C-alpha atoms as a PDB file:
ATOM      1  CA  MET A   1     -12.658 -30.822 -31.218  1.00  0.00           C
ATOM      2  CA  LEU A   2     -10.360 -29.086 -33.536  1.00  0.00           C
ATOM      3  CA  ASN A   3      -6.665 -30.028 -34.522  1.00  0.00           C
ATOM      4  CA  ASN A   4      -4.387 -27.519 -36.294  1.00  0.00           C
ATOM      5  CA  THR A   5      -0.642 -26.994 -36.673  1.00  0.00           C
ATOM      6  CA  ILE A   6       0.371 -23.531 -36.148  1.00  0.00           C
ATOM      7  CA  HIS A   7       4.162 -22.890 -36.619  1.00  0.00           C
ATOM      8  CA  GLY A   8       4.745 -26.460 -35.955  1.00  0.00           C
ATOM      9  CA  VAL A   9       2.825 -26.658 -32.708  1.00  0.00           C
ATOM     10  CA  GLU A  10      -0.220 -28.945 -32.691  1.00  0.00           C
ATOM     11  CA  LEU A  11      -3.590 -27.558 -31.370  1.00  0.00           C
ATOM     12  CA  ILE A  12      -5.774 -29.744 -29.249  1.00  0.00           C
ATOM     13  CA  GLU A  13      -9.172 -28.438 -28.383  1.00  0.00           C
ATOM     14  CA  LEU A  14     -10.803 -29.935 -25.147  1.00  0.00           C
ATOM     15  CA  ASP A  15     -13.534 -28.839 -22.906  1.00  0.00           C
ATOM     16  CA  THR A  16     -13.402 -26.662 -19.594  1.00  0.00           C
ATOM     17  CA  GLY A  17     -16.420 -28.069 -18.200  1.00  0.00           C
ATOM     18  CA  SER A  18     -17.896 -24.472 -17.878  1.00  0.00           C
ATOM     19  CA  PRO A  19     -19.557 -21.949 -19.804  1.00  0.00           C
ATOM     20  CA  VAL A  20     -16.419 -20.883 -20.899  1.00  0.00           C
ATOM     21  CA  GLY A  21     -16.407 -23.315 -23.581  1.00  0.00           C
ATOM     22  CA  ALA A  22     -13.345 -24.664 -25.288  1.00  0.00           C
ATOM     23  CA  ILE A  23      -9.818 -24.662 -24.122  1.00  0.00           C
ATOM     24  CA  ASN A  24      -6.513 -24.969 -26.305  1.00  0.00           C
ATOM     25  CA  THR A  25      -3.880 -27.253 -25.173  1.00  0.00           C
ATOM     26  CA  TYR A  26      -0.987 -27.558 -27.422  1.00  0.00           C
ATOM     27  CA  LEU A  27       1.727 -30.302 -28.470  1.00  0.00           C
ATOM     28  CA  ILE A  28       5.099 -29.264 -29.358  1.00  0.00           C
ATOM     29  CA  PHE A  29       7.518 -31.603 -31.259  1.00  0.00           C
ATOM     30  CA  GLY A  30      10.833 -30.434 -29.780  1.00  0.00           C
ATOM     31  CA  GLU A  31      13.784 -32.669 -28.463  1.00  0.00           C
ATOM     32  CA  LYS A  32      10.935 -33.756 -25.845  1.00  0.00           C
ATOM     33  CA  LEU A  33       7.409 -34.120 -26.943  1.00  0.00           C
ATOM     34  CA  THR A  34       5.741 -31.601 -24.847  1.00  0.00           C
ATOM     35  CA  LEU A  35       1.894 -31.175 -23.751  1.00  0.00           C
ATOM     36  CA  ILE A  36       1.157 -27.588 -22.793  1.00  0.00           C
ATOM     37  CA  ASP A  37      -1.780 -27.718 -20.461  1.00  0.00           C
ATOM     38  CA  THR A  38      -4.351 -30.656 -20.212  1.00  0.00           C
ATOM     39  CA  GLY A  39      -7.799 -29.714 -20.185  1.00  0.00           C
ATOM     40  CA  ALA A  40     -10.541 -30.298 -17.132  1.00  0.00           C
ATOM     41  CA  ASN A  41     -10.627 -33.594 -15.309  1.00  0.00           C
ATOM     42  CA  LEU A  42     -13.450 -34.899 -17.572  1.00  0.00           C
ATOM     43  CA  GLN A  43     -13.992 -38.377 -19.069  1.00  0.00           C
ATOM     44  CA  LYS A  44     -14.705 -36.442 -22.331  1.00  0.00           C
ATOM     45  CA  ASN A  45     -11.433 -34.935 -22.345  1.00  0.00           C
ATOM     46  CA  TRP A  46      -9.353 -38.049 -21.371  1.00  0.00           C
ATOM     47  CA  VAL A  47     -11.082 -39.760 -24.634  1.00  0.00           C
ATOM     48  CA  LEU A  48     -10.603 -36.566 -26.828  1.00  0.00           C
ATOM     49  CA  LEU A  49      -6.745 -36.222 -25.805  1.00  0.00           C
ATOM     50  CA  LYS A  50      -6.199 -39.752 -26.578  1.00  0.00           C
ATOM     51  CA  GLU A  51      -8.135 -39.530 -29.919  1.00  0.00           C
ATOM     52  CA  ALA A  52      -6.364 -36.417 -31.068  1.00  0.00           C
ATOM     53  CA  LEU A  53      -2.932 -38.140 -30.174  1.00  0.00           C
ATOM     54  CA  ASN A  54      -3.945 -41.232 -32.145  1.00  0.00           C
ATOM     55  CA  LYS A  55      -4.594 -39.204 -34.996  1.00  0.00           C
ATOM     56  CA  MET A  56      -0.938 -38.131 -35.063  1.00  0.00           C
ATOM     57  CA  GLN A  57      -0.230 -41.525 -34.527  1.00  0.00           C
ATOM     58  CA  LEU A  58       0.974 -41.070 -30.993  1.00  0.00           C
ATOM     59  CA  THR A  59      -0.426 -42.264 -27.645  1.00  0.00           C
ATOM     60  CA  ILE A  60      -0.130 -40.854 -24.222  1.00  0.00           C
ATOM     61  CA  TYR A  61       3.105 -42.750 -23.530  1.00  0.00           C
ATOM     62  CA  ASP A  62       4.844 -40.708 -26.317  1.00  0.00           C
ATOM     63  CA  ILE A  63       4.424 -37.478 -24.386  1.00  0.00           C
ATOM     64  CA  ASP A  64       7.780 -36.874 -22.549  1.00  0.00           C
ATOM     65  CA  GLN A  65       6.737 -33.780 -20.328  1.00  0.00           C
ATOM     66  CA  ILE A  66       3.940 -31.657 -19.468  1.00  0.00           C
ATOM     67  CA  LEU A  67       4.282 -27.600 -19.413  1.00  0.00           C
ATOM     68  CA  LEU A  68       1.657 -25.637 -17.417  1.00  0.00           C
ATOM     69  CA  THR A  69       0.726 -21.755 -18.191  1.00  0.00           C
ATOM     70  CA  HIS A  70      -0.967 -21.787 -14.799  1.00  0.00           C
ATOM     71  CA  HIS A  71      -2.916 -23.701 -12.119  1.00  0.00           C
ATOM     72  CA  HIS A  72      -6.699 -22.969 -13.101  1.00  0.00           C
ATOM     73  CA  VAL A  73      -8.667 -26.392 -13.286  1.00  0.00           C
ATOM     74  CA  ASP A  74      -9.244 -26.202 -16.977  1.00  0.00           C
ATOM     75  CA  HIS A  75      -5.553 -26.029 -17.607  1.00  0.00           C
ATOM     76  CA  VAL A  76      -4.301 -28.833 -15.089  1.00  0.00           C
ATOM     77  CA  GLY A  77      -7.326 -31.332 -14.466  1.00  0.00           C
ATOM     78  CA  LEU A  78      -6.307 -34.250 -16.474  1.00  0.00           C
ATOM     79  CA  LEU A  79      -2.780 -34.299 -14.792  1.00  0.00           C
ATOM     80  CA  ASP A  80      -3.884 -37.008 -12.366  1.00  0.00           C
ATOM     81  CA  ARG A  81      -5.183 -39.314 -15.110  1.00  0.00           C
ATOM     82  CA  ILE A  82      -2.137 -38.679 -17.407  1.00  0.00           C
ATOM     83  CA  LEU A  83       0.533 -39.160 -14.594  1.00  0.00           C
ATOM     84  CA  GLU A  84      -1.355 -42.438 -13.350  1.00  0.00           C
ATOM     85  CA  VAL A  85      -0.578 -44.298 -16.300  1.00  0.00           C
ATOM     86  CA  HIS A  86       2.409 -42.404 -17.543  1.00  0.00           C
ATOM     87  CA  PRO A  87       4.620 -40.754 -14.745  1.00  0.00           C
ATOM     88  CA  ILE A  88       6.309 -38.032 -16.551  1.00  0.00           C
ATOM     89  CA  PRO A  89       7.838 -34.661 -15.446  1.00  0.00           C
ATOM     90  CA  VAL A  90       5.390 -31.453 -14.964  1.00  0.00           C
ATOM     91  CA  LEU A  91       6.919 -28.181 -15.287  1.00  0.00           C
ATOM     92  CA  GLY A  92       5.661 -24.749 -14.364  1.00  0.00           C
ATOM     93  CA  HIS A  93       6.037 -21.892 -12.103  1.00  0.00           C
ATOM     94  CA  PRO A  94       6.658 -22.502  -8.430  1.00  0.00           C
ATOM     95  CA  ASN A  95       3.310 -20.848  -7.475  1.00  0.00           C
ATOM     96  CA  ASN A  96       1.612 -23.798  -8.925  1.00  0.00           C
ATOM     97  CA  ARG A  97       2.637 -25.849  -6.086  1.00  0.00           C
ATOM     98  CA  PRO A  98      -0.172 -25.264  -3.342  1.00  0.00           C
ATOM     99  CA  TRP A  99      -2.800 -25.711  -6.133  1.00  0.00           C
ATOM    100  CA  LEU A 100      -1.630 -28.920  -7.581  1.00  0.00           C
ATOM    101  CA  LEU A 101      -1.142 -30.571  -4.384  1.00  0.00           C
ATOM    102  CA  PRO A 102      -3.536 -28.686  -1.746  1.00  0.00           C
ATOM    103  CA  ASP A 103      -2.687 -29.649   1.816  1.00  0.00           C
ATOM    104  CA  LYS A 104      -5.133 -29.115   4.634  1.00  0.00           C
ATOM    105  CA  GLN A 105      -3.385 -26.020   6.048  1.00  0.00           C
ATOM    106  CA  PHE A 106      -3.534 -24.290   2.287  1.00  0.00           C
ATOM    107  CA  VAL A 107      -7.136 -24.874   1.869  1.00  0.00           C
ATOM    108  CA  GLU A 108      -7.946 -23.715   5.369  1.00  0.00           C
ATOM    109  CA  TRP A 109      -5.720 -20.465   4.682  1.00  0.00           C
ATOM    110  CA  HIS A 110      -7.721 -20.081   1.194  1.00  0.00           C
ATOM    111  CA  HIS A 111     -11.225 -20.304   3.059  1.00  0.00           C
ATOM    112  CA  GLU A 112      -9.909 -17.863   5.745  1.00  0.00           C
ATOM    113  CA  PHE A 113      -8.589 -15.199   3.279  1.00  0.00           C
ATOM    114  CA  PHE A 114     -11.738 -15.111   1.306  1.00  0.00           C
ATOM    115  CA  GLN A 115     -14.125 -15.126   4.438  1.00  0.00           C
ATOM    116  CA  LYS A 116     -12.307 -11.991   5.466  1.00  0.00           C
ATOM    117  CA  PHE A 117     -11.612 -10.399   2.221  1.00  0.00           C
ATOM    118  CA  LEU A 118     -15.426 -10.736   1.197  1.00  0.00           C
ATOM    119  CA  SER A 119     -16.596  -9.627   4.593  1.00  0.00           C
ATOM    120  CA  GLU A 120     -14.694  -6.348   4.199  1.00  0.00           C
ATOM    121  CA  PHE A 121     -15.780  -6.064   0.761  1.00  0.00           C
ATOM    122  CA  GLY A 122     -19.315  -5.599   2.147  1.00  0.00           C
ATOM    123  CA  ILE A 123     -20.620  -8.707   0.947  1.00  0.00           C
ATOM    124  CA  PRO A 124     -23.623  -9.922   3.113  1.00  0.00           C
ATOM    125  CA  ALA A 125     -22.827 -12.503   5.617  1.00  0.00           C
ATOM    126  CA  GLU A 126     -25.044 -15.105   3.995  1.00  0.00           C
ATOM    127  CA  LEU A 127     -22.813 -14.871   0.944  1.00  0.00           C
ATOM    128  CA  CYS A 128     -19.357 -14.674   2.677  1.00  0.00           C
ATOM    129  CA  GLY A 129     -19.135 -18.407   2.015  1.00  0.00           C
ATOM    130  CA  ALA A 130     -18.981 -17.701  -1.707  1.00  0.00           C
ATOM    131  CA  GLY A 131     -15.266 -18.138  -1.794  1.00  0.00           C
ATOM    132  CA  LYS A 132     -15.324 -21.593  -0.342  1.00  0.00           C
ATOM    133  CA  GLN A 133     -18.024 -22.637  -2.401  1.00  0.00           C
ATOM    134  CA  PHE A 134     -16.535 -21.471  -5.520  1.00  0.00           C
ATOM    135  CA  PHE A 135     -13.299 -23.214  -4.792  1.00  0.00           C
ATOM    136  CA  ASP A 136     -15.348 -26.484  -3.610  1.00  0.00           C
ATOM    137  CA  ASN A 137     -17.080 -26.589  -6.872  1.00  0.00           C
ATOM    138  CA  LEU A 138     -14.198 -26.557  -9.099  1.00  0.00           C
ATOM    139  CA  GLN A 139     -12.403 -29.297  -7.315  1.00  0.00           C
ATOM    140  CA  PRO A 140     -14.024 -32.271  -9.224  1.00  0.00           C
ATOM    141  CA  LEU A 141     -12.648 -30.559 -12.405  1.00  0.00           C
ATOM    142  CA  SER A 142      -8.812 -30.287 -10.939  1.00  0.00           C
ATOM    143  CA  CYS A 143      -6.017 -32.752 -10.138  1.00  0.00           C
ATOM    144  CA  HIS A 144      -5.223 -33.461  -6.500  1.00  0.00           C
ATOM    145  CA  HIS A 145      -1.960 -35.399  -6.417  1.00  0.00           C
ATOM    146  CA  VAL A 146       0.579 -33.777  -8.457  1.00  0.00           C
ATOM    147  CA  GLU A 147       3.901 -32.550  -7.669  1.00  0.00           C
ATOM    148  CA  LEU A 148       5.823 -30.068  -9.590  1.00  0.00           C
ATOM    149  CA  SER A 149       8.989 -31.480 -11.097  1.00  0.00           C
ATOM    150  CA  LEU A 150      10.615 -28.469 -12.104  1.00  0.00           C
ATOM    151  CA  GLU A 151      10.311 -24.771 -11.316  1.00  0.00           C
ATOM    152  CA  LEU A 152      10.360 -22.341 -14.249  1.00  0.00           C
ATOM    153  CA  ASN A 153      10.724 -18.753 -13.768  1.00  0.00           C
ATOM    154  CA  GLU A 154      11.243 -15.413 -15.885  1.00  0.00           C
ATOM    155  CA  GLY A 155      14.055 -15.850 -18.861  1.00  0.00           C
ATOM    156  CA  ASP A 156      14.550 -19.672 -17.952  1.00  0.00           C
ATOM    157  CA  THR A 157      14.692 -22.116 -20.937  1.00  0.00           C
ATOM    158  CA  ILE A 158      12.753 -25.101 -21.000  1.00  0.00           C
ATOM    159  CA  PRO A 159      14.357 -28.713 -20.944  1.00  0.00           C
ATOM    160  CA  GLY A 160      13.712 -30.418 -24.340  1.00  0.00           C
ATOM    161  CA  LEU A 161      12.570 -27.063 -25.929  1.00  0.00           C
ATOM    162  CA  SER A 162      15.973 -25.305 -26.136  1.00  0.00           C
ATOM    163  CA  ASP A 163      14.730 -22.666 -28.429  1.00  0.00           C
ATOM    164  CA  TRP A 164      11.942 -21.625 -26.115  1.00  0.00           C
ATOM    165  CA  LYS A 165      11.998 -19.464 -22.966  1.00  0.00           C
ATOM    166  CA  ILE A 166       9.794 -18.355 -20.086  1.00  0.00           C
ATOM    167  CA  ILE A 167       8.111 -14.919 -19.736  1.00  0.00           C
ATOM    168  CA  GLU A 168       6.321 -14.545 -16.639  1.00  0.00           C
ATOM    169  CA  THR A 169       2.644 -13.328 -17.214  1.00  0.00           C
ATOM    170  CA  LYS A 170       1.223 -13.111 -13.871  1.00  0.00           C
ATOM    171  CA  GLY A 171      -2.087 -11.215 -13.293  1.00  0.00           C
ATOM    172  CA  HIS A 172      -4.912 -13.618 -14.418  1.00  0.00           C
ATOM    173  CA  ALA A 173      -3.290 -16.203 -12.046  1.00  0.00           C
ATOM    174  CA  GLN A 174      -0.133 -15.814  -9.602  1.00  0.00           C
ATOM    175  CA  SER A 175       1.169 -18.985 -11.285  1.00  0.00           C
ATOM    176  CA  HIS A 176       0.988 -17.654 -14.902  1.00  0.00           C
ATOM    177  CA  ILE A 177       3.852 -17.891 -17.370  1.00  0.00           C
ATOM    178  CA  SER A 178       3.802 -17.730 -21.234  1.00  0.00           C
ATOM    179  CA  PHE A 179       6.386 -19.567 -23.602  1.00  0.00           C
ATOM    180  CA  TYR A 180       8.120 -17.620 -26.442  1.00  0.00           C
ATOM    181  CA  ARG A 181      10.420 -18.714 -29.340  1.00  0.00           C
ATOM    182  CA  GLU A 182      12.327 -15.836 -30.765  1.00  0.00           C
ATOM    183  CA  LYS A 183      13.029 -17.447 -34.116  1.00  0.00           C
ATOM    184  CA  ASP A 184       9.647 -17.180 -35.324  1.00  0.00           C
ATOM    185  CA  GLN A 185       8.301 -14.803 -32.589  1.00  0.00           C
ATOM    186  CA  LEU A 186       5.652 -17.170 -31.635  1.00  0.00           C
ATOM    187  CA  LEU A 187       4.280 -16.900 -27.929  1.00  0.00           C
ATOM    188  CA  ILE A 188       2.079 -19.551 -26.339  1.00  0.00           C
ATOM    189  CA  ALA A 189       0.145 -17.095 -23.853  1.00  0.00           C
ATOM    190  CA  GLY A 190      -2.177 -19.263 -21.887  1.00  0.00           C
ATOM    191  CA  ASP A 191      -5.041 -17.130 -20.482  1.00  0.00           C
ATOM    192  CA  HIS A 192      -2.888 -13.861 -20.455  1.00  0.00           C
ATOM    193  CA  ILE A 193      -3.762 -12.900 -23.917  1.00  0.00           C
ATOM    194  CA  ILE A 194      -7.174 -14.027 -25.405  1.00  0.00           C
ATOM    195  CA  ASN A 195      -8.479 -12.696 -28.695  1.00  0.00           C
ATOM    196  CA  HIS A 196     -12.430 -12.302 -27.778  1.00  0.00           C
ATOM    197  CA  ILE A 197     -12.114 -11.348 -24.219  1.00  0.00           C
ATOM    198  CA  SER A 198     -10.213  -9.599 -21.682  1.00  0.00           C
ATOM    199  CA  SER A 199      -8.911 -12.181 -18.966  1.00  0.00           C
ATOM    200  CA  ASN A 200     -10.160 -11.855 -15.490  1.00  0.00           C
ATOM    201  CA  ALA A 201      -7.434 -10.828 -12.985  1.00  0.00           C
ATOM    202  CA  ALA A 202      -8.411 -13.080 -10.106  1.00  0.00           C
ATOM    203  CA  ILE A 203      -7.738 -12.257  -6.428  1.00  0.00           C
ATOM    204  CA  GLU A 204      -5.713 -14.974  -4.682  1.00  0.00           C
ATOM    205  CA  PRO A 205      -4.503 -15.408  -1.116  1.00  0.00           C
ATOM    206  CA  PRO A 206      -0.745 -14.280  -0.694  1.00  0.00           C
ATOM    207  CA  MET A 207       1.565 -17.172  -0.661  1.00  0.00           C
ATOM    208  CA  VAL A 208       2.454 -16.422   2.878  1.00  0.00           C
ATOM    209  CA  ARG A 209      -0.124 -15.807   5.557  1.00  0.00           C
ATOM    210  CA  ASN A 210      -0.074 -12.120   6.679  1.00  0.00           C
ATOM    211  CA  LEU A 211       1.580 -10.780   3.627  1.00  0.00           C
ATOM    212  CA  GLU A 212      -0.141  -8.297   1.374  1.00  0.00           C
ATOM    213  CA  ARG A 213      -2.270  -9.766  -1.346  1.00  0.00           C
ATOM    214  CA  THR A 214      -0.998  -8.756  -4.821  1.00  0.00           C
ATOM    215  CA  LYS A 215      -2.946  -6.377  -6.866  1.00  0.00           C
ATOM    216  CA  PRO A 216      -3.635  -8.617  -9.761  1.00  0.00           C
ATOM    217  CA  LEU A 217      -5.290  -6.344 -12.300  1.00  0.00           C
ATOM    218  CA  ILE A 218      -2.308  -3.762 -11.976  1.00  0.00           C
ATOM    219  CA  GLN A 219      -0.056  -6.760 -12.551  1.00  0.00           C
ATOM    220  CA  TYR A 220      -1.906  -7.861 -15.535  1.00  0.00           C
ATOM    221  CA  MET A 221      -1.709  -4.572 -17.089  1.00  0.00           C
ATOM    222  CA  GLU A 222       1.981  -4.374 -16.574  1.00  0.00           C
ATOM    223  CA  ASN A 223       2.476  -7.870 -18.081  1.00  0.00           C
ATOM    224  CA  LEU A 224       0.438  -6.928 -21.153  1.00  0.00           C
ATOM    225  CA  LYS A 225       2.715  -3.816 -21.722  1.00  0.00           C
ATOM    226  CA  LYS A 226       5.962  -6.139 -21.261  1.00  0.00           C
ATOM    227  CA  CYS A 227       4.587  -8.240 -24.067  1.00  0.00           C
ATOM    228  CA  VAL A 228       3.920  -5.592 -26.524  1.00  0.00           C
ATOM    229  CA  ASN A 229       7.807  -4.700 -25.924  1.00  0.00           C
ATOM    230  CA  ILE A 230       8.830  -8.063 -26.884  1.00  0.00           C
ATOM    231  CA  PRO A 231       8.849  -9.002 -30.869  1.00  0.00           C
ATOM    232  CA  ILE A 232       5.738 -11.281 -30.983  1.00  0.00           C
ATOM    233  CA  ASP A 233       4.425 -12.175 -34.476  1.00  0.00           C
ATOM    234  CA  THR A 234       1.660 -14.547 -33.163  1.00  0.00           C
ATOM    235  CA  VAL A 235       0.021 -15.605 -29.985  1.00  0.00           C
ATOM    236  CA  LEU A 236      -1.603 -18.919 -29.367  1.00  0.00           C
ATOM    237  CA  SER A 237      -4.020 -18.424 -26.561  1.00  0.00           C
ATOM    238  CA  GLY A 238      -5.629 -20.612 -24.001  1.00  0.00           C
ATOM    239  CA  HIS A 239      -9.129 -19.927 -25.435  1.00  0.00           C
ATOM    240  CA  GLY A 240     -10.218 -18.856 -28.762  1.00  0.00           C
ATOM    241  CA  SER A 241      -8.489 -17.883 -31.993  1.00  0.00           C
ATOM    242  CA  THR A 242      -4.939 -17.207 -32.727  1.00  0.00           C
ATOM    243  CA  VAL A 243      -3.812 -13.407 -32.096  1.00  0.00           C
ATOM    244  CA  ARG A 244      -1.725 -11.570 -34.727  1.00  0.00           C
ATOM    245  CA  ASN A 245      -2.458  -8.149 -33.970  1.00  0.00           C
ATOM    246  CA  LEU A 246      -1.250  -8.024 -30.486  1.00  0.00           C
ATOM    247  CA  LYS A 247      -0.287  -4.204 -30.027  1.00  0.00           C
ATOM    248  CA  GLU A 248      -3.852  -3.291 -31.285  1.00  0.00           C
ATOM    249  CA  LEU A 249      -5.317  -5.971 -28.821  1.00  0.00           C
ATOM    250  CA  VAL A 250      -3.313  -4.639 -25.991  1.00  0.00           C
ATOM    251  CA  THR A 251      -4.467  -1.081 -26.756  1.00  0.00           C
ATOM    252  CA  ASP A 252      -7.885  -2.045 -26.577  1.00  0.00           C
ATOM    253  CA  ARG A 253      -7.698  -4.028 -23.485  1.00  0.00           C
ATOM    254  CA  LEU A 254      -6.026  -1.383 -21.685  1.00  0.00           C
ATOM    255  CA  TYR A 255      -8.378   1.323 -22.888  1.00  0.00           C
ATOM    256  CA  GLY A 256     -11.314  -1.112 -21.832  1.00  0.00           C
ATOM    257  CA  ILE A 257      -9.773  -0.999 -18.095  1.00  0.00           C
ATOM    258  CA  ASP A 258      -9.483   2.700 -18.014  1.00  0.00           C
ATOM    259  CA  GLU A 259     -12.814   3.331 -19.223  1.00  0.00           C
ATOM    260  CA  ARG A 260     -14.423   0.702 -16.382  1.00  0.00           C
ATOM    261  CA  ALA A 261     -12.021   2.443 -13.865  1.00  0.00           C
ATOM    262  CA  SER A 262     -13.346   5.903 -15.007  1.00  0.00           C
ATOM    263  CA  HIS A 263     -17.065   4.548 -14.758  1.00  0.00           C
ATOM    264  CA  ILE A 264     -16.449   3.336 -11.077  1.00  0.00           C
ATOM    265  CA  LYS A 265     -14.968   6.673 -10.147  1.00  0.00           C
ATOM    266  CA  GLU A 266     -17.946   8.512 -11.511  1.00  0.00           C
ATOM    267  CA  MET A 267     -20.190   6.154  -9.514  1.00  0.00           C
ATOM    268  CA  ILE A 268     -18.528   7.088  -6.372  1.00  0.00           C
ATOM    269  CA  LYS A 269     -17.856  10.841  -6.567  1.00  0.00           C
ATOM    270  CA  ASP A 270     -20.445  11.894  -4.252  1.00  0.00           C
ATOM    271  CA  ASN A 271     -20.765   8.902  -1.552  1.00  0.00           C
ATOM    272  CA  TYR A 272     -18.674   6.369  -0.136  1.00  0.00           C
ATOM    273  CA  LYS A 273     -19.717   2.896  -1.403  1.00  0.00           C
ATOM    274  CA  SER A 274     -18.756  -0.716  -0.197  1.00  0.00           C
ATOM    275  CA  GLY A 275     -17.260  -2.908  -2.856  1.00  0.00           C
ATOM    276  CA  PHE A 276     -20.817  -4.618  -2.774  1.00  0.00           C
ATOM    277  CA  GLU A 277     -22.691  -1.534  -3.499  1.00  0.00           C
ATOM    278  CA  ILE A 278     -20.540  -0.919  -6.655  1.00  0.00           C
ATOM    279  CA  ILE A 279     -20.930  -4.324  -7.683  1.00  0.00           C
ATOM    280  CA  ASN A 280     -24.866  -3.987  -7.544  1.00  0.00           C
ATOM    281  CA  ASP A 281     -24.537  -0.796  -9.541  1.00  0.00           C
ATOM    282  CA  LEU A 282     -22.357  -2.333 -12.340  1.00  0.00           C
ATOM    283  CA  PHE A 283     -23.982  -5.704 -12.698  1.00  0.00           C
ATOM    284  CA  SER A 284     -27.508  -7.267 -12.917  1.00  0.00           C
ATOM    285  CA  PRO A 285     -28.887  -9.068  -9.937  1.00  0.00           C
ATOM    286  CA  ARG A 286     -28.623 -12.032 -11.822  1.00  0.00           C
ATOM    287  CA  THR A 287     -24.974 -11.887 -12.748  1.00  0.00           C
ATOM    288  CA  VAL A 288     -24.201 -10.992  -9.060  1.00  0.00           C
ATOM    289  CA  LYS A 289     -26.024 -14.070  -7.736  1.00  0.00           C
ATOM    290  CA  GLU A 290     -24.448 -16.221 -10.296  1.00  0.00           C
ATOM    291  CA  GLN A 291     -20.933 -14.932 -10.912  1.00  0.00           C
ATOM    292  CA  LEU A 292     -20.518 -13.446  -7.472  1.00  0.00           C
ATOM    293  CA  MET A 293     -16.618 -14.243  -7.234  1.00  0.00           C
ATOM    294  CA  LEU A 294     -15.878 -13.316 -10.960  1.00  0.00           C
ATOM    295  CA  VAL A 295     -17.655  -9.988 -10.538  1.00  0.00           C
ATOM    296  CA  VAL A 296     -15.658  -9.390  -7.150  1.00  0.00           C
ATOM    297  CA  TYR A 297     -12.417  -9.964  -8.887  1.00  0.00           C
ATOM    298  CA  GLU A 298     -13.081  -7.432 -11.571  1.00  0.00           C
ATOM    299  CA  THR A 299     -14.651  -4.816  -9.227  1.00  0.00           C
ATOM    300  CA  ALA A 300     -11.722  -4.884  -6.592  1.00  0.00           C
ATOM    301  CA  GLY A 301      -9.142  -5.169  -9.339  1.00  0.00           C
ATOM    302  CA  HIS A 302     -10.440  -1.546 -10.733  1.00  0.00           C
ATOM    303  CA  LEU A 303     -10.646  -0.196  -7.167  1.00  0.00           C
ATOM    304  CA  ASP A 304      -6.904  -1.338  -6.632  1.00  0.00           C
ATOM    305  CA  LEU A 305      -5.952   0.357  -9.884  1.00  0.00           C
ATOM    306  CA  LEU A 306      -7.854   3.764  -8.847  1.00  0.00           C
ATOM    307  CA  LEU A 307      -6.200   3.688  -5.492  1.00  0.00           C
ATOM    308  CA  ASP A 308      -2.886   3.137  -6.877  1.00  0.00           C
ATOM    309  CA  ARG A 309      -3.420   5.872  -9.018  1.00  0.00           C
ATOM    310  CA  GLY A 310      -4.449   8.304  -5.979  1.00  0.00           C
ATOM    311  CA  GLU A 311      -7.925   8.905  -7.672  1.00  0.00           C
ATOM    312  CA  ILE A 312     -10.148   7.373  -4.889  1.00  0.00           C
ATOM    313  CA  GLU A 313      -9.771   7.083  -1.183  1.00  0.00           C
ATOM    314  CA  GLU A 314     -10.612   3.970   0.902  1.00  0.00           C
ATOM    315  CA  ILE A 315     -11.948   4.126   4.589  1.00  0.00           C
ATOM    316  CA  LYS A 316     -12.912   1.407   6.932  1.00  0.00           C
ATOM    317  CA  LYS A 317     -16.073   1.495   8.945  1.00  0.00           C
ATOM    318  CA  GLY A 318     -16.568  -1.330  11.357  1.00  0.00           C
ATOM    319  CA  ASP A 319     -15.321  -4.118   9.471  1.00  0.00           C
ATOM    320  CA  ILE A 320     -16.328  -3.021   5.984  1.00  0.00           C
ATOM    321  CA  ARG A 321     -14.081  -1.080   3.677  1.00  0.00           C
ATOM    322  CA  TYR A 322     -15.593   1.901   1.666  1.00  0.00           C
ATOM    323  CA  TYR A 323     -14.590   4.008  -1.605  1.00  0.00           C
ATOM    324  CA  ARG A 324     -14.966   7.332  -2.674  1.00  0.00           C
ATOM    325  CA  SER A 325     -13.444   9.409  -5.394  1.00  0.00           C
ATOM    326  CA  ILE A 326     -11.099  12.156  -4.515  1.00  0.00           C
ATOM    327  CA  SER A 327     -11.356  14.544  -7.423  1.00  0.00           C
END
């Protein structure tokens, strides 16, 4: 575990419970002592969080509120444990709600959406339960009984942190927000900006049935560009090291996305291919087997981008969608 103070914000490094490794949570000493994200629901993290607070001569009971960057399990998992002993407000984007307190209808809709999405992507029938399995495998690491106390949207100020404001940074998740302090040009960016890897833009079901799903990679790119246009000197990320060269990093990320999109376009210049066929051309059999949902997210995002640019076309044969380059 690593504790650091950066611009008066205390870093507390916890565990994700996955190969991703560590997650960065943060403590802000404002008018209200505020915890940014919580780590996954692991006994190890519960102990580490209390030990980190103790080193600062604090306890769980000194925290006044919890602020969420987004709903992924490594960022919200300890909420149930914290609130059970110390019920305090939880603040975040309204799109956190169905994930923090998942009801039966939401879970059923989630599974139904991915069953259909994966089937149309050309995923074999025996693998189309991957969406449900992915969701189910994460649930032990998440929270299950949390009500959002206050919704935060673009431009809002944060109660108890009057010099911070909200920047919506959707793409990695539809609930994703970042926190900006203008006076020292500091951004707490969650998983929107990470120094060592590009954030995976996750496919999510629409918040309302029968609406068109969001195209998260396109959204992610737009929000990267938005951050470049804000005077930001330092970025504190959800994983990895501090970012101090934001413009260069964003340039590299956008270039990498364009390169992958161009590669996919070249792969389908002669023949129509399903998403699953494209995945198998891009990734090793082991990666496809072990990380199916993640490679689906990445591939579908780049196909969305190419369709949006008018560089490829999509047709549906039977229940499966196929893609081919136009020029």
